[in-house]
Amino acid sequence: LPERERAELKRRKLLLEVTLKSYWIRKGSAFSTAVARPETELTPEMIAT
């Protein structure tokens, strides 16, 4: 639409401009389907309680 016509439609509330955002998401080098649990260090105090 020409700028003048677009301004007129916006003024009369007949036109609504919407901004669309899109993202491309891909698997990265660190992608893994397995969840690795870090090893925890048990101290004697943790075992006692």
N, C-alpha and C. Protein backbone atom coordinates (compact mmCIF):
# COMPACT_ATOMS: atom_id res chain seq x y z
N LEU A 1 0.84 -1.19 0.00
CA LEU A 1 0.00 0.00 0.00
C LEU A 1 0.88 1.25 0.00
N PRO A 2 0.41 2.27 -0.67
CA PRO A 2 1.14 3.53 -0.60
C PRO A 2 1.10 4.09 0.82
N GLU A 3 2.12 4.85 1.17
CA GLU A 3 2.24 5.39 2.53
C GLU A 3 1.03 6.24 2.92
N ARG A 4 0.53 7.03 2.00
CA ARG A 4 -0.60 7.91 2.29
C ARG A 4 -1.87 7.10 2.60
N GLU A 5 -2.12 6.08 1.79
CA GLU A 5 -3.30 5.24 2.00
C GLU A 5 -3.19 4.45 3.30
N ARG A 6 -1.99 3.96 3.58
CA ARG A 6 -1.76 3.21 4.81
C ARG A 6 -1.99 4.10 6.04
N ALA A 7 -1.53 5.34 5.99
CA ALA A 7 -1.73 6.28 7.10
C ALA A 7 -3.21 6.56 7.31
N GLU A 8 -3.95 6.69 6.22
CA GLU A 8 -5.39 6.95 6.32
C GLU A 8 -6.12 5.76 6.95
N LEU A 9 -5.77 4.55 6.55
CA LEU A 9 -6.41 3.36 7.12
C LEU A 9 -6.06 3.20 8.59
N LYS A 10 -4.83 3.52 8.96
CA LYS A 10 -4.43 3.43 10.37
C LYS A 10 -5.18 4.46 11.20
N ARG A 11 -5.36 5.66 10.65
CA ARG A 11 -6.07 6.72 11.36
C ARG A 11 -7.53 6.32 11.62
N ARG A 12 -8.13 5.62 10.67
CA ARG A 12 -9.52 5.19 10.80
C ARG A 12 -9.64 3.85 11.52
N LYS A 13 -8.53 3.34 12.04
CA LYS A 13 -8.49 2.07 12.78
C LYS A 13 -8.95 0.89 11.92
N LEU A 14 -8.64 0.95 10.64
CA LEU A 14 -8.98 -0.14 9.73
C LEU A 14 -7.76 -0.98 9.37
N LEU A 15 -6.60 -0.56 9.86
CA LEU A 15 -5.37 -1.27 9.54
C LEU A 15 -4.56 -1.43 10.82
N LEU A 16 -4.03 -2.61 11.01
CA LEU A 16 -3.18 -2.89 12.17
C LEU A 16 -1.90 -3.51 11.66
N GLU A 17 -0.78 -2.86 11.96
CA GLU A 17 0.52 -3.38 11.54
C GLU A 17 1.07 -4.27 12.64
N VAL A 18 1.50 -5.47 12.24
CA VAL A 18 2.01 -6.45 13.19
C VAL A 18 3.41 -6.85 12.74
N THR A 19 4.34 -6.91 13.70
CA THR A 19 5.70 -7.35 13.40
C THR A 19 5.82 -8.82 13.77
N LEU A 20 6.25 -9.63 12.82
CA LEU A 20 6.43 -11.06 13.05
C LEU A 20 7.91 -11.35 13.23
N LYS A 21 8.23 -12.17 14.22
CA LYS A 21 9.61 -12.57 14.45
C LYS A 21 9.70 -14.08 14.28
N SER A 22 10.76 -14.53 13.64
CA SER A 22 10.96 -15.97 13.49
C SER A 22 12.39 -16.30 13.85
N TYR A 23 12.58 -17.52 14.32
CA TYR A 23 13.89 -17.99 14.75
C TYR A 23 14.17 -19.33 14.10
N TRP A 24 15.43 -19.57 13.75
CA TRP A 24 15.87 -20.87 13.26
C TRP A 24 16.59 -21.54 14.41
N ILE A 25 16.10 -22.69 14.82
CA ILE A 25 16.70 -23.41 15.94
C ILE A 25 17.25 -24.73 15.41
N ARG A 26 18.54 -24.97 15.66
CA ARG A 26 19.18 -26.20 15.23
C ARG A 26 19.95 -26.81 16.38
N LYS A 27 20.23 -28.09 16.26
CA LYS A 27 21.00 -28.79 17.28
C LYS A 27 22.43 -28.27 17.24
N GLY A 28 22.96 -27.94 18.41
CA GLY A 28 24.34 -27.46 18.49
C GLY A 28 25.31 -28.61 18.68
N SER A 29 26.57 -28.28 18.78
CA SER A 29 27.60 -29.31 18.93
C SER A 29 27.51 -30.02 20.27
N ALA A 30 26.93 -29.37 21.28
CA ALA A 30 26.83 -29.97 22.61
C ALA A 30 25.49 -30.70 22.81
N PHE A 31 24.69 -30.85 21.75
CA PHE A 31 23.39 -31.50 21.87
C PHE A 31 23.54 -32.98 22.21
N SER A 32 22.73 -33.44 23.15
CA SER A 32 22.75 -34.85 23.53
C SER A 32 21.37 -35.23 24.04
N THR A 33 20.93 -36.45 23.72
CA THR A 33 19.64 -36.90 24.23
C THR A 33 19.77 -37.52 25.61
N ALA A 34 20.98 -37.88 26.01
CA ALA A 34 21.21 -38.48 27.32
C ALA A 34 21.50 -37.39 28.35
N VAL A 35 20.93 -37.56 29.53
CA VAL A 35 21.18 -36.61 30.61
C VAL A 35 22.26 -37.19 31.50
N ALA A 36 23.39 -36.51 31.58
CA ALA A 36 24.52 -37.00 32.39
C ALA A 36 24.42 -36.39 33.78
N ARG A 37 24.46 -37.25 34.79
CA ARG A 37 24.44 -36.76 36.17
C ARG A 37 25.87 -36.63 36.65
N PRO A 38 26.23 -35.48 37.17
CA PRO A 38 27.60 -35.33 37.67
C PRO A 38 27.81 -36.16 38.93
N GLU A 39 28.99 -36.69 39.07
CA GLU A 39 29.29 -37.48 40.26
C GLU A 39 29.42 -36.55 41.46
N THR A 40 28.81 -36.98 42.57
CA THR A 40 28.88 -36.16 43.78
C THR A 40 29.88 -36.78 44.74
N GLU A 41 30.58 -35.91 45.40
CA GLU A 41 31.54 -36.39 46.39
C GLU A 41 30.85 -36.50 47.74
N LEU A 42 30.86 -37.69 48.31
CA LEU A 42 30.24 -37.89 49.62
C LEU A 42 31.28 -37.70 50.71
N THR A 43 30.94 -36.86 51.64
CA THR A 43 31.83 -36.65 52.79
C THR A 43 31.31 -37.49 53.94
N PRO A 44 32.14 -37.80 54.92
CA PRO A 44 31.67 -38.57 56.08
C PRO A 44 30.49 -37.89 56.79
N GLU A 45 30.45 -36.57 56.77
CA GLU A 45 29.34 -35.84 57.40
C GLU A 45 28.03 -36.10 56.65
N MET A 46 28.09 -36.17 55.34
CA MET A 46 26.88 -36.40 54.55
C MET A 46 26.36 -37.82 54.78
N ILE A 47 27.25 -38.77 54.94
CA ILE A 47 26.85 -40.16 55.17
C ILE A 47 26.25 -40.31 56.57
N ALA A 48 26.78 -39.58 57.54
CA ALA A 48 26.32 -39.69 58.93
C ALA A 48 24.91 -39.12 59.11
N THR A 49 24.49 -38.20 58.27
CA THR A 49 23.16 -37.59 58.46
C THR A 49 22.12 -38.22 57.59
